[in-house]
Amino acid sequence: MKRKTGFFYNERCFWHCTNPHALVLPVGGWVQPTVSEGFAESPETKRRLKNLMDISGLSKQLIMCDAPPVGEDDILRVHSREYLERLKSASQNGGGMVGLAAPVGAGSYEIAQISAGLAMAAVEAVLTGKIDNAYSLSRPPGHHCLPDQGMGFCLLANIAIAIEVAKARYGLGKVAVVDWDVHHGNGTQAIFEQRNDVLTISLHQDRCFPAGYNGLEDRGIGKGEGYNINIPLPAGIGHKTYLQAVDTIVVPALEKFQPELIIVACGFDANAVDPLARMQLHSETFRSMTAKIQNTADFLCNGRLVLVHEGGYSETYVPFCGHSVIEELVKVRTEVEDPMLSLIVQQQPSGLFDAFLEDYVKSLANKFRSS
């Protein structure tokens, strides 16, 4: 049955840019940035996804939504005043760095407000029953951002802000965040690691980013112990074993926690051609993971599911992964075919490596089951 799916986006999110000039004009105001050659976090991955949706007709199957920017009072539910002022200053003064791999351009603060506002509005619309589920095309991303500094292209903690606002305004109780971005969701973990009302689960490439981080033993602090789950996965793990991890670790953890809402930090950088990771996923992997999480949400929390866009750096391939996810959310299929699917399927793990991966995930599942 077709679902009532909201798609939250704003053209300004594509204008976040750390390149200070377009030709000879300073970027900002009415001057749109050019594509930043050599910069991984390009707007084109998101813009091309939206364009593909328009061309395929998928956009017509969705409830297209904009949202106001998040206000400073709501930002301060998560971030420190000192960080907020530093971010605003860098944005107003043409750019700078606000943390590890966290560049800011002219006007980036205002665009980050829009990005977080989209995530916040998507959560609100699902909670109030206006829509069944939602996808927020947020940019800049948020899952690496710490309370007091940016990190990994992330300037505001979009998902964490949306959660805190929903708790304050709607009395939202338990929330689960499933992060399948290929890089560890360290910002979300840091914000909620002492809480037992937010379950954080991160599937990530082992020791990729933050560099050297594994996280298997980090289970939360104080009353948050047991409410943080890290699933470090070997490089090259592939489609089958990723789904095994979702089936044997993620879904049981969600069923045990019984959330009122599930949010996915939806990065596409575990795809097989991403330049910042070494996994082997394809568009059907992301479709299948979406189906599994949506089915779990249907069972646990009346289908309340929100996906918030995070990483993914292949301008050509991210659109096909995102398109598959959104098709699954709304429960329609268009005529779009993934032109790389058969090639990636041929490169999936096999033989001894496949057996090793299966045993590895089984060992992780047993660890979490016994803890």
Protein backbone atom coordinates (compact mmCIF):
# COMPACT_ATOMS: atom_id res chain seq x y z
CA MET A 1 0.00 0.00 0.00
CA LYS A 2 1.30 3.43 -0.95
CA ARG A 3 2.39 5.54 2.02
CA LYS A 4 1.99 9.27 2.61
CA THR A 5 5.66 10.25 2.52
CA GLY A 6 6.99 13.75 3.09
CA PHE A 7 10.12 14.98 1.35
CA PHE A 8 11.72 17.99 3.04
CA TYR A 9 14.19 20.10 1.08
CA ASN A 10 15.26 23.66 0.40
CA GLU A 11 17.34 24.91 -2.53
CA ARG A 12 19.49 26.96 -0.15
CA CYS A 13 20.98 23.77 1.28
CA PHE A 14 22.70 23.26 -2.08
CA TRP A 15 24.32 26.69 -1.71
CA HIS A 16 26.46 25.82 1.32
CA CYS A 17 29.99 26.21 -0.04
CA THR A 18 33.47 26.65 1.38
CA ASN A 19 34.85 28.05 -1.88
CA PRO A 20 34.81 31.82 -1.24
CA HIS A 21 34.41 32.98 -4.85
CA ALA A 22 32.41 32.25 -8.00
CA LEU A 23 34.59 33.58 -10.81
CA VAL A 24 35.60 36.93 -9.23
CA LEU A 25 32.50 37.53 -7.10
CA PRO A 26 32.38 36.69 -3.40
CA VAL A 27 29.90 33.89 -2.68
CA GLY A 28 26.92 34.79 -0.53
CA GLY A 29 23.72 36.76 -0.74
CA TRP A 30 22.52 36.49 -4.35
CA VAL A 31 25.73 34.92 -5.66
CA GLN A 32 25.33 31.14 -5.98
CA PRO A 33 28.51 29.09 -5.41
CA THR A 34 30.08 27.04 -8.13
CA VAL A 35 30.84 23.35 -7.60
CA SER A 36 33.89 23.08 -5.34
CA GLU A 37 36.40 21.11 -7.37
CA GLY A 38 38.17 18.57 -5.17
CA PHE A 39 35.92 19.07 -2.12
CA ALA A 40 34.20 15.83 -1.15
CA GLU A 41 31.06 17.31 0.40
CA SER A 42 29.64 18.56 -2.87
CA PRO A 43 26.05 19.79 -3.31
CA GLU A 44 25.80 17.74 -6.49
CA THR A 45 25.12 14.43 -4.70
CA LYS A 46 21.97 15.95 -3.21
CA ARG A 47 20.98 18.08 -6.19
CA ARG A 48 21.30 15.14 -8.59
CA LEU A 49 19.15 12.99 -6.28
CA LYS A 50 16.40 15.62 -6.34
CA ASN A 51 16.76 15.98 -10.12
CA LEU A 52 16.50 12.22 -10.64
CA MET A 53 13.34 12.15 -8.52
CA ASP A 54 11.83 14.91 -10.66
CA ILE A 55 12.73 13.21 -13.95
CA SER A 56 11.48 9.78 -12.84
CA GLY A 57 8.17 11.12 -11.55
CA LEU A 58 8.91 10.04 -7.98
CA SER A 59 8.59 13.62 -6.73
CA LYS A 60 4.93 13.61 -7.80
CA GLN A 61 4.32 10.66 -5.46
CA LEU A 62 5.58 12.62 -2.44
CA ILE A 63 4.38 15.47 -0.27
CA MET A 64 7.01 18.08 -1.04
CA CYS A 65 7.76 20.28 1.97
CA ASP A 66 9.94 23.20 2.98
CA ALA A 67 10.53 24.33 6.57
CA PRO A 68 11.67 27.42 8.47
CA PRO A 69 15.22 27.54 9.82
CA VAL A 70 15.79 26.35 13.35
CA GLY A 71 16.01 29.18 15.89
CA GLU A 72 18.91 29.84 18.23
CA ASP A 73 16.97 28.80 21.33
CA ASP A 74 16.46 25.36 19.83
CA ILE A 75 20.09 25.11 18.72
CA LEU A 76 21.12 25.80 22.31
CA ARG A 77 19.20 22.71 23.47
CA VAL A 78 22.19 20.78 22.04
CA HIS A 79 25.09 23.15 21.35
CA SER A 80 27.04 25.49 23.60
CA ARG A 81 26.67 29.25 23.29
CA GLU A 82 30.41 29.55 22.67
CA TYR A 83 30.24 27.19 19.68
CA LEU A 84 27.18 28.91 18.28
CA GLU A 85 28.91 32.30 18.38
CA ARG A 86 32.07 30.87 16.80
CA LEU A 87 30.06 29.30 13.98
CA LYS A 88 28.13 32.51 13.36
CA SER A 89 31.33 34.56 13.34
CA ALA A 90 33.05 32.31 10.82
CA SER A 91 29.98 32.39 8.58
CA GLN A 92 29.62 36.17 8.76
CA ASN A 93 33.31 36.76 8.09
CA GLY A 94 33.63 34.73 4.91
CA GLY A 95 34.52 31.32 6.29
CA GLY A 96 36.94 29.35 8.41
CA MET A 97 37.21 26.09 10.33
CA VAL A 98 35.02 25.26 13.34
CA GLY A 99 36.47 21.81 14.05
CA LEU A 100 38.22 18.84 12.48
CA ALA A 101 37.33 18.76 8.76
CA ALA A 102 34.52 21.25 9.39
CA PRO A 103 34.96 24.15 6.97
CA VAL A 104 32.51 27.05 6.92
CA GLY A 105 31.79 29.39 4.03
CA ALA A 106 30.00 32.70 3.74
CA GLY A 107 26.43 32.22 4.93
CA SER A 108 26.95 28.63 6.05
CA TYR A 109 25.43 29.26 9.47
CA GLU A 110 22.10 30.37 8.03
CA ILE A 111 22.08 27.39 5.67
CA ALA A 112 22.89 25.04 8.57
CA GLN A 113 19.85 26.50 10.35
CA ILE A 114 17.73 25.53 7.34
CA SER A 115 19.27 22.04 7.25
CA ALA A 116 18.40 21.42 10.90
CA GLY A 117 15.00 23.02 10.39
CA LEU A 118 14.17 20.50 7.68
CA ALA A 119 14.99 17.58 9.99
CA MET A 120 12.99 19.19 12.79
CA ALA A 121 9.95 19.73 10.57
CA ALA A 122 10.11 16.17 9.24
CA VAL A 123 10.03 14.77 12.78
CA GLU A 124 7.17 17.09 13.73
CA ALA A 125 5.08 16.12 10.70
CA VAL A 126 5.47 12.41 11.42
CA LEU A 127 4.72 12.80 15.13
CA THR A 128 1.56 14.80 14.47
CA GLY A 129 0.29 12.32 11.88
CA LYS A 130 0.37 14.72 8.92
CA ILE A 131 2.44 12.16 7.03
CA ASP A 132 3.36 8.50 7.53
CA ASN A 133 7.12 8.80 7.16
CA ALA A 134 9.61 11.35 5.88
CA TYR A 135 12.92 12.03 4.20
CA SER A 136 14.87 15.21 5.00
CA LEU A 137 17.43 16.22 2.37
CA SER A 138 19.50 18.07 4.95
CA ARG A 139 22.80 19.72 4.03
CA PRO A 140 25.20 20.39 5.68
CA PRO A 141 25.01 17.04 7.46
CA GLY A 142 25.00 16.63 11.24
CA HIS A 143 25.93 13.28 12.77
CA HIS A 144 29.60 14.14 13.50
CA CYS A 145 28.85 17.51 15.10
CA LEU A 146 29.67 17.72 18.80
CA PRO A 147 28.03 20.07 21.30
CA ASP A 148 31.02 22.41 21.25
CA GLN A 149 32.58 21.98 17.81
CA GLY A 150 31.88 20.99 14.24
CA MET A 151 33.42 17.91 12.70
CA GLY A 152 33.47 15.95 9.46
CA PHE A 153 31.57 18.51 7.31
CA CYS A 154 28.87 18.75 10.05
CA LEU A 155 28.03 22.17 11.49
CA LEU A 156 24.88 21.52 13.56
CA ALA A 157 23.65 18.23 15.03
CA ASN A 158 20.49 18.08 12.89
CA ILE A 159 19.01 14.89 14.32
CA ALA A 160 19.83 15.68 17.94
CA ILE A 161 18.24 19.12 17.64
CA ALA A 162 15.11 17.60 16.08
CA ILE A 163 14.88 15.07 18.93
CA GLU A 164 15.28 17.65 21.68
CA VAL A 165 12.70 19.96 20.13
CA ALA A 166 10.23 17.08 19.73
CA LYS A 167 10.70 16.12 23.37
CA ALA A 168 10.16 19.68 24.54
CA ARG A 169 7.15 20.44 22.33
CA TYR A 170 5.40 17.11 21.92
CA GLY A 171 6.45 15.11 24.96
CA LEU A 172 8.23 12.54 22.81
CA GLY A 173 9.55 9.67 24.91
CA LYS A 174 11.95 7.00 23.67
CA VAL A 175 13.69 7.57 20.34
CA ALA A 176 16.03 5.28 18.42
CA VAL A 177 18.66 6.60 16.01
CA VAL A 178 20.00 4.09 13.48
CA ASP A 179 23.07 5.49 11.73
CA TRP A 180 24.10 3.61 8.58
CA ASP A 181 26.45 6.30 7.31
CA VAL A 182 29.75 4.52 6.71
CA HIS A 183 31.49 6.77 9.25
CA HIS A 184 30.87 6.51 12.98
CA GLY A 185 28.06 8.69 14.32
CA ASN A 186 30.31 10.13 17.01
CA GLY A 187 28.41 13.38 17.45
CA THR A 188 25.07 11.71 18.10
CA GLN A 189 26.78 9.27 20.45
CA ALA A 190 28.46 12.05 22.42
CA ILE A 191 25.23 14.01 22.81
CA PHE A 192 23.13 11.09 24.06
CA GLU A 193 25.62 8.66 25.63
CA GLN A 194 24.48 9.44 29.17
CA ARG A 195 20.78 9.07 28.34
CA ASN A 196 18.48 6.05 28.47
CA ASP A 197 15.65 7.66 26.49
CA VAL A 198 17.62 7.71 23.21
CA LEU A 199 19.07 4.51 21.76
CA THR A 200 21.94 5.19 19.35
CA ILE A 201 23.10 2.50 16.91
CA SER A 202 25.95 3.09 14.47
CA LEU A 203 26.95 0.70 11.67
CA HIS A 204 30.26 1.97 10.34
CA GLN A 205 33.44 0.94 8.60
CA ASP A 206 35.90 -0.03 11.30
CA ARG A 207 38.51 2.66 12.04
CA CYS A 208 37.56 4.82 9.04
CA PHE A 209 36.36 8.13 10.56
CA PRO A 210 37.04 9.39 13.11
CA ALA A 211 40.38 7.89 12.17
CA GLY A 212 41.23 4.76 14.14
CA TYR A 213 37.89 4.56 15.94
CA ASN A 214 36.29 1.15 16.52
CA GLY A 215 33.79 1.80 19.30
CA LEU A 216 32.71 -1.76 20.04
CA GLU A 217 33.24 -1.38 23.78
CA ASP A 218 31.56 2.05 24.03
CA ARG A 219 28.09 1.18 25.31
CA GLY A 220 27.07 4.43 27.01
CA ILE A 221 27.85 6.14 30.31
CA GLY A 222 25.97 6.10 33.62
CA LYS A 223 22.26 5.62 33.13
CA GLY A 224 22.97 5.56 29.39
CA GLU A 225 24.97 2.34 29.67
CA GLY A 226 23.61 -0.22 27.23
CA TYR A 227 21.82 2.42 25.14
CA ASN A 228 24.68 2.98 22.71
CA ILE A 229 25.55 0.25 20.21
CA ASN A 230 28.49 0.43 17.83
CA ILE A 231 28.78 -2.11 15.02
CA PRO A 232 32.25 -1.73 13.46
CA LEU A 233 32.34 -3.57 10.14
CA PRO A 234 35.38 -4.68 8.12
CA ALA A 235 36.02 -2.91 4.85
CA GLY A 236 34.45 -4.65 1.86
CA ILE A 237 31.71 -6.33 3.87
CA GLY A 238 29.09 -6.23 1.11
CA HIS A 239 25.32 -6.48 0.73
CA LYS A 240 24.52 -9.82 2.34
CA THR A 241 26.49 -9.35 5.52
CA TYR A 242 25.27 -5.76 6.00
CA LEU A 243 21.70 -7.04 5.96
CA GLN A 244 22.73 -9.80 8.36
CA ALA A 245 23.94 -7.12 10.78
CA VAL A 246 20.62 -5.29 10.49
CA ASP A 247 18.63 -8.50 11.04
CA THR A 248 20.65 -9.91 13.93
CA ILE A 249 21.76 -6.77 15.80
CA VAL A 250 19.81 -3.66 14.80
CA VAL A 251 16.26 -5.03 14.65
CA PRO A 252 16.51 -7.02 17.93
CA ALA A 253 17.91 -3.92 19.68
CA LEU A 254 15.01 -1.84 18.41
CA GLU A 255 12.49 -4.47 19.49
CA LYS A 256 14.01 -4.58 22.95
CA PHE A 257 14.04 -0.77 23.27
CA GLN A 258 10.46 -0.19 21.99
CA PRO A 259 10.91 3.35 20.63
CA GLU A 260 8.10 5.77 19.86
CA LEU A 261 10.00 7.05 16.82
CA ILE A 262 12.89 5.76 14.70
CA ILE A 263 15.26 8.16 12.94
CA VAL A 264 17.84 6.99 10.42
CA ALA A 265 21.04 8.94 9.88
CA CYS A 266 20.96 8.12 6.19
CA GLY A 267 24.42 8.30 4.71
CA PHE A 268 25.11 6.67 1.34
CA ASP A 269 28.90 6.53 1.63
CA ALA A 270 28.94 2.76 2.19
CA ASN A 271 28.25 2.45 -1.55
CA ALA A 272 30.82 0.54 -3.60
CA VAL A 273 32.22 3.55 -5.46
CA ASP A 274 32.40 6.11 -2.66
CA PRO A 275 35.78 7.88 -2.48
CA LEU A 276 35.81 8.13 1.34
CA ALA A 277 35.17 4.50 2.30
CA ARG A 278 35.75 0.92 1.20
CA MET A 279 32.43 -0.90 1.50
CA GLN A 280 30.56 -2.73 -1.27
CA LEU A 281 26.92 -1.68 -0.96
CA HIS A 282 24.58 -0.86 -3.83
CA SER A 283 21.18 0.72 -4.30
CA GLU A 284 19.29 -2.47 -3.44
CA THR A 285 21.15 -2.72 -0.13
CA PHE A 286 19.80 0.67 0.88
CA ARG A 287 16.32 -0.26 -0.35
CA SER A 288 16.42 -3.46 1.70
CA MET A 289 17.69 -1.73 4.85
CA THR A 290 14.94 0.86 4.52
CA ALA A 291 12.33 -1.88 4.18
CA LYS A 292 13.61 -3.69 7.27
CA ILE A 293 13.63 -0.54 9.41
CA GLN A 294 10.22 0.57 8.10
CA ASN A 295 8.75 -2.86 8.86
CA THR A 296 10.18 -2.62 12.37
CA ALA A 297 8.72 0.87 12.78
CA ASP A 298 5.35 -0.42 11.59
CA PHE A 299 5.47 -3.07 14.31
CA LEU A 300 6.85 -0.93 17.14
CA CYS A 301 5.73 2.67 16.68
CA ASN A 302 2.86 2.94 14.19
CA GLY A 303 5.28 3.32 11.29
CA ARG A 304 6.83 6.55 12.55
CA LEU A 305 10.12 6.73 10.64
CA VAL A 306 12.22 9.72 9.56
CA LEU A 307 15.36 9.52 7.41
CA VAL A 308 17.79 12.45 7.53
CA HIS A 309 20.43 12.73 4.81
CA GLU A 310 24.06 12.51 5.96
CA GLY A 311 27.11 11.55 3.88
CA GLY A 312 27.72 10.05 0.44
CA TYR A 313 30.30 11.48 -1.94
CA SER A 314 29.86 9.84 -5.33
CA GLU A 315 27.97 12.44 -7.34
CA THR A 316 27.01 9.84 -9.92
CA TYR A 317 25.95 6.96 -7.70
CA VAL A 318 24.40 8.52 -4.57
CA PRO A 319 21.28 9.57 -6.54
CA PHE A 320 20.45 5.94 -7.39
CA CYS A 321 20.90 4.84 -3.77
CA GLY A 322 18.75 7.68 -2.49
CA HIS A 323 16.10 7.11 -5.14
CA SER A 324 15.74 3.47 -4.08
CA VAL A 325 15.34 4.47 -0.44
CA ILE A 326 12.63 7.01 -1.20
CA GLU A 327 10.80 4.59 -3.50
CA GLU A 328 10.73 2.15 -0.58
CA LEU A 329 9.45 4.79 1.84
CA VAL A 330 6.50 5.67 -0.37
CA LYS A 331 6.03 2.07 -1.62
CA VAL A 332 6.13 2.78 -5.35
CA ARG A 333 8.49 1.71 -8.12
CA THR A 334 9.44 3.93 -11.04
CA GLU A 335 11.18 2.99 -14.28
CA VAL A 336 14.61 4.03 -12.93
CA GLU A 337 17.24 1.29 -13.20
CA ASP A 338 20.56 1.38 -11.37
CA PRO A 339 23.18 1.32 -14.17
CA MET A 340 25.91 0.00 -11.85
CA LEU A 341 23.94 -2.63 -9.97
CA SER A 342 25.01 -5.71 -11.92
CA LEU A 343 28.69 -4.69 -11.82
CA ILE A 344 28.65 -4.14 -8.05
CA VAL A 345 26.78 -7.40 -7.48
CA GLN A 346 29.54 -9.23 -9.37
CA GLN A 347 32.13 -7.78 -6.98
CA GLN A 348 30.43 -8.94 -3.77
CA PRO A 349 32.50 -10.92 -1.22
CA SER A 350 32.73 -14.65 -1.82
CA GLY A 351 34.53 -17.74 -0.60
CA LEU A 352 36.56 -17.58 2.58
CA PHE A 353 36.11 -13.84 2.97
CA ASP A 354 32.33 -14.19 2.81
CA ALA A 355 32.44 -16.95 5.44
CA PHE A 356 34.69 -14.81 7.65
CA LEU A 357 32.28 -11.88 7.40
CA GLU A 358 29.29 -14.03 8.29
CA ASP A 359 31.10 -15.42 11.36
CA TYR A 360 32.23 -11.93 12.34
CA VAL A 361 28.69 -10.56 12.41
CA LYS A 362 27.48 -13.65 14.27
CA SER A 363 30.10 -13.00 16.94
CA LEU A 364 28.97 -9.37 17.24
CA ALA A 365 25.33 -10.43 17.53
CA ASN A 366 26.23 -12.93 20.27
CA LYS A 367 28.17 -10.25 22.13
CA PHE A 368 25.26 -7.83 22.15
CA ARG A 369 22.76 -10.60 22.94
CA SER A 370 24.71 -11.61 26.03
CA SER A 371 25.40 -8.08 27.29
